[in-house]
Amino acid sequence: MPGLLALLTASIFFGAAIYINLVEQPARLHLEDRAALVQWVPSYRRAFEMQATLALVSGLFGAAAWGQTGHVLWGFGAAIIILNWPYTLLFVMPVNRSLEAIRPDDAGEESRGLLKLWGRLHAGRSALGGLAATIFLVAARLEL
């Protein structure tokens, strides 16, 4: 059961992350600079809370499944989904801080460039979520 919960939470993480990359970010970049920055701030804060929690919970369930079954794929998937935490702290958070430091009235070329960089970095989180979900799916399939 922990394995299926790991798969479920990793899949939800991946779905939310890829939605941001394929739908929300392109729509945001169609806005003018000030509006794009203003929209990004609350959107990111809400998404961070959800995705950080999902990554942690999925990792814990994956680790529990590994402990329960001894199948290394569960542990590998858990490690991959948890990698979102250090990846975010090391690469994404500096961009977040720079974006949050820009006042909406000062939005312009710099904020637009940072938003584009943020989108590329966020794609890394999407990739980690998709990889973890795939690994969990293979692990679950092997148990059937």
Protein backbone atom coordinates (compact mmCIF):
# COMPACT_ATOMS: atom_id res chain seq x y z
CA MET A 1 0.00 0.00 0.00
CA PRO A 2 2.77 2.58 0.67
CA GLY A 3 4.05 1.96 -2.84
CA LEU A 4 0.74 2.83 -4.44
CA LEU A 5 0.53 5.95 -2.29
CA ALA A 6 4.06 6.89 -3.41
CA LEU A 7 2.98 6.44 -7.02
CA LEU A 8 -0.21 8.46 -6.47
CA THR A 9 1.51 11.41 -4.76
CA ALA A 10 4.41 11.46 -7.27
CA SER A 11 1.87 11.43 -10.11
CA ILE A 12 -0.05 14.33 -8.58
CA PHE A 13 3.25 16.20 -8.12
CA PHE A 14 4.17 15.56 -11.76
CA GLY A 15 0.72 16.58 -13.01
CA ALA A 16 0.84 19.86 -11.12
CA ALA A 17 4.41 20.58 -12.19
CA ILE A 18 3.85 19.85 -15.86
CA TYR A 19 0.64 21.91 -15.82
CA ILE A 20 2.71 24.87 -14.67
CA ASN A 21 5.22 24.35 -17.49
CA LEU A 22 2.74 23.68 -20.27
CA VAL A 23 -0.17 25.94 -19.32
CA GLU A 24 0.42 28.47 -16.56
CA GLN A 25 3.93 29.66 -17.42
CA PRO A 26 3.22 30.25 -21.15
CA ALA A 27 0.03 32.11 -20.24
CA ARG A 28 1.92 34.20 -17.67
CA LEU A 29 4.54 35.14 -20.25
CA HIS A 30 1.79 36.54 -22.51
CA LEU A 31 1.03 39.15 -19.84
CA GLU A 32 2.83 42.46 -19.70
CA ASP A 33 5.83 42.56 -17.37
CA ARG A 34 4.13 43.99 -14.28
CA ALA A 35 1.10 41.68 -14.50
CA ALA A 36 3.33 38.63 -15.09
CA LEU A 37 5.35 39.37 -11.98
CA VAL A 38 2.28 40.13 -9.88
CA GLN A 39 0.66 36.86 -11.01
CA TRP A 40 3.81 34.78 -10.37
CA VAL A 41 4.18 35.73 -6.68
CA PRO A 42 0.98 34.21 -5.21
CA SER A 43 0.97 31.41 -7.77
CA TYR A 44 4.45 30.29 -6.80
CA ARG A 45 3.73 30.47 -3.06
CA ARG A 46 0.66 28.26 -3.40
CA ALA A 47 2.36 25.80 -5.73
CA PHE A 48 5.42 25.61 -3.47
CA GLU A 49 3.34 24.56 -0.47
CA MET A 50 1.54 21.88 -2.45
CA GLN A 51 4.52 20.52 -4.35
CA ALA A 52 6.93 20.58 -1.41
CA THR A 53 4.42 18.58 0.63
CA LEU A 54 3.75 16.13 -2.21
CA ALA A 55 7.47 15.53 -2.78
CA LEU A 56 8.05 14.87 0.91
CA VAL A 57 5.03 12.60 1.34
CA SER A 58 5.82 10.69 -1.86
CA GLY A 59 9.41 10.22 -0.75
CA LEU A 60 8.30 8.91 2.63
CA PHE A 61 5.83 6.48 1.07
CA GLY A 62 8.48 5.33 -1.40
CA ALA A 63 10.95 4.75 1.41
CA ALA A 64 8.30 2.85 3.36
CA ALA A 65 7.56 0.67 0.32
CA TRP A 66 11.28 -0.02 -0.07
CA GLY A 67 11.52 -1.00 3.59
CA GLN A 68 8.44 -3.19 3.32
CA THR A 69 9.33 -4.95 0.06
CA GLY A 70 13.10 -4.63 -0.13
CA HIS A 71 12.72 -3.66 -3.81
CA VAL A 72 15.36 -1.04 -4.60
CA LEU A 73 13.19 0.75 -7.20
CA TRP A 74 10.98 2.10 -4.42
CA GLY A 75 14.03 3.61 -2.73
CA PHE A 76 15.34 4.97 -6.02
CA GLY A 77 11.99 6.62 -6.80
CA ALA A 78 11.89 8.07 -3.28
CA ALA A 79 15.36 9.55 -3.73
CA ILE A 80 14.42 11.07 -7.11
CA ILE A 81 11.25 12.74 -5.83
CA ILE A 82 13.08 14.04 -2.75
CA LEU A 83 15.75 15.53 -5.04
CA ASN A 84 13.19 18.26 -5.72
CA TRP A 85 14.03 19.75 -2.33
CA PRO A 86 17.78 20.32 -2.81
CA TYR A 87 17.24 21.17 -6.50
CA THR A 88 14.77 23.86 -5.52
CA LEU A 89 16.92 25.21 -2.70
CA LEU A 90 20.10 25.34 -4.77
CA PHE A 91 18.85 26.44 -8.17
CA VAL A 92 15.30 27.77 -8.03
CA MET A 93 15.25 29.68 -4.74
CA PRO A 94 17.92 32.22 -5.77
CA VAL A 95 15.76 33.11 -8.78
CA ASN A 96 12.66 33.22 -6.55
CA ARG A 97 14.37 35.64 -4.17
CA SER A 98 15.42 37.86 -7.06
CA LEU A 99 11.87 37.90 -8.44
CA GLU A 100 10.35 38.59 -5.03
CA ALA A 101 12.75 41.51 -4.54
CA ILE A 102 11.45 43.30 -7.65
CA ARG A 103 8.64 45.71 -6.94
CA PRO A 104 5.78 45.38 -9.42
CA ASP A 105 6.27 48.96 -10.60
CA ASP A 106 9.90 48.10 -11.44
CA ALA A 107 8.99 45.06 -13.53
CA GLY A 108 10.59 44.99 -16.94
CA GLU A 109 13.31 43.26 -18.89
CA GLU A 110 15.01 41.94 -15.75
CA SER A 111 11.84 40.44 -14.26
CA ARG A 112 10.82 38.95 -17.62
CA GLY A 113 14.24 37.34 -18.00
CA LEU A 114 14.05 35.93 -14.48
CA LEU A 115 10.55 34.59 -15.10
CA LYS A 116 11.79 32.81 -18.23
CA LEU A 117 14.75 31.38 -16.30
CA TRP A 118 12.40 30.31 -13.52
CA GLY A 119 10.26 28.43 -16.06
CA ARG A 120 13.29 26.55 -17.39
CA LEU A 121 14.38 25.67 -13.88
CA HIS A 122 10.87 24.58 -12.96
CA ALA A 123 10.99 22.15 -15.88
CA GLY A 124 13.71 20.35 -13.90
CA ARG A 125 11.23 19.78 -11.10
CA SER A 126 8.72 18.49 -13.61
CA ALA A 127 11.32 16.07 -14.96
CA LEU A 128 12.18 14.79 -11.48
CA GLY A 129 8.49 14.28 -10.70
CA GLY A 130 7.88 12.44 -13.98
CA LEU A 131 10.94 10.25 -13.48
CA ALA A 132 9.94 9.37 -9.92
CA ALA A 133 6.36 8.57 -10.96
CA THR A 134 7.68 6.34 -13.76
CA ILE A 135 10.03 4.50 -11.42
CA PHE A 136 7.21 3.98 -8.92
CA LEU A 137 4.96 2.73 -11.72
CA VAL A 138 7.59 0.17 -12.80
CA ALA A 139 8.09 -0.90 -9.18
CA ALA A 140 4.34 -1.33 -8.71
CA ARG A 141 4.08 -3.30 -11.96
CA LEU A 142 6.88 -5.62 -10.87
CA GLU A 143 4.98 -6.41 -7.68
CA LEU A 144 1.84 -7.52 -9.51
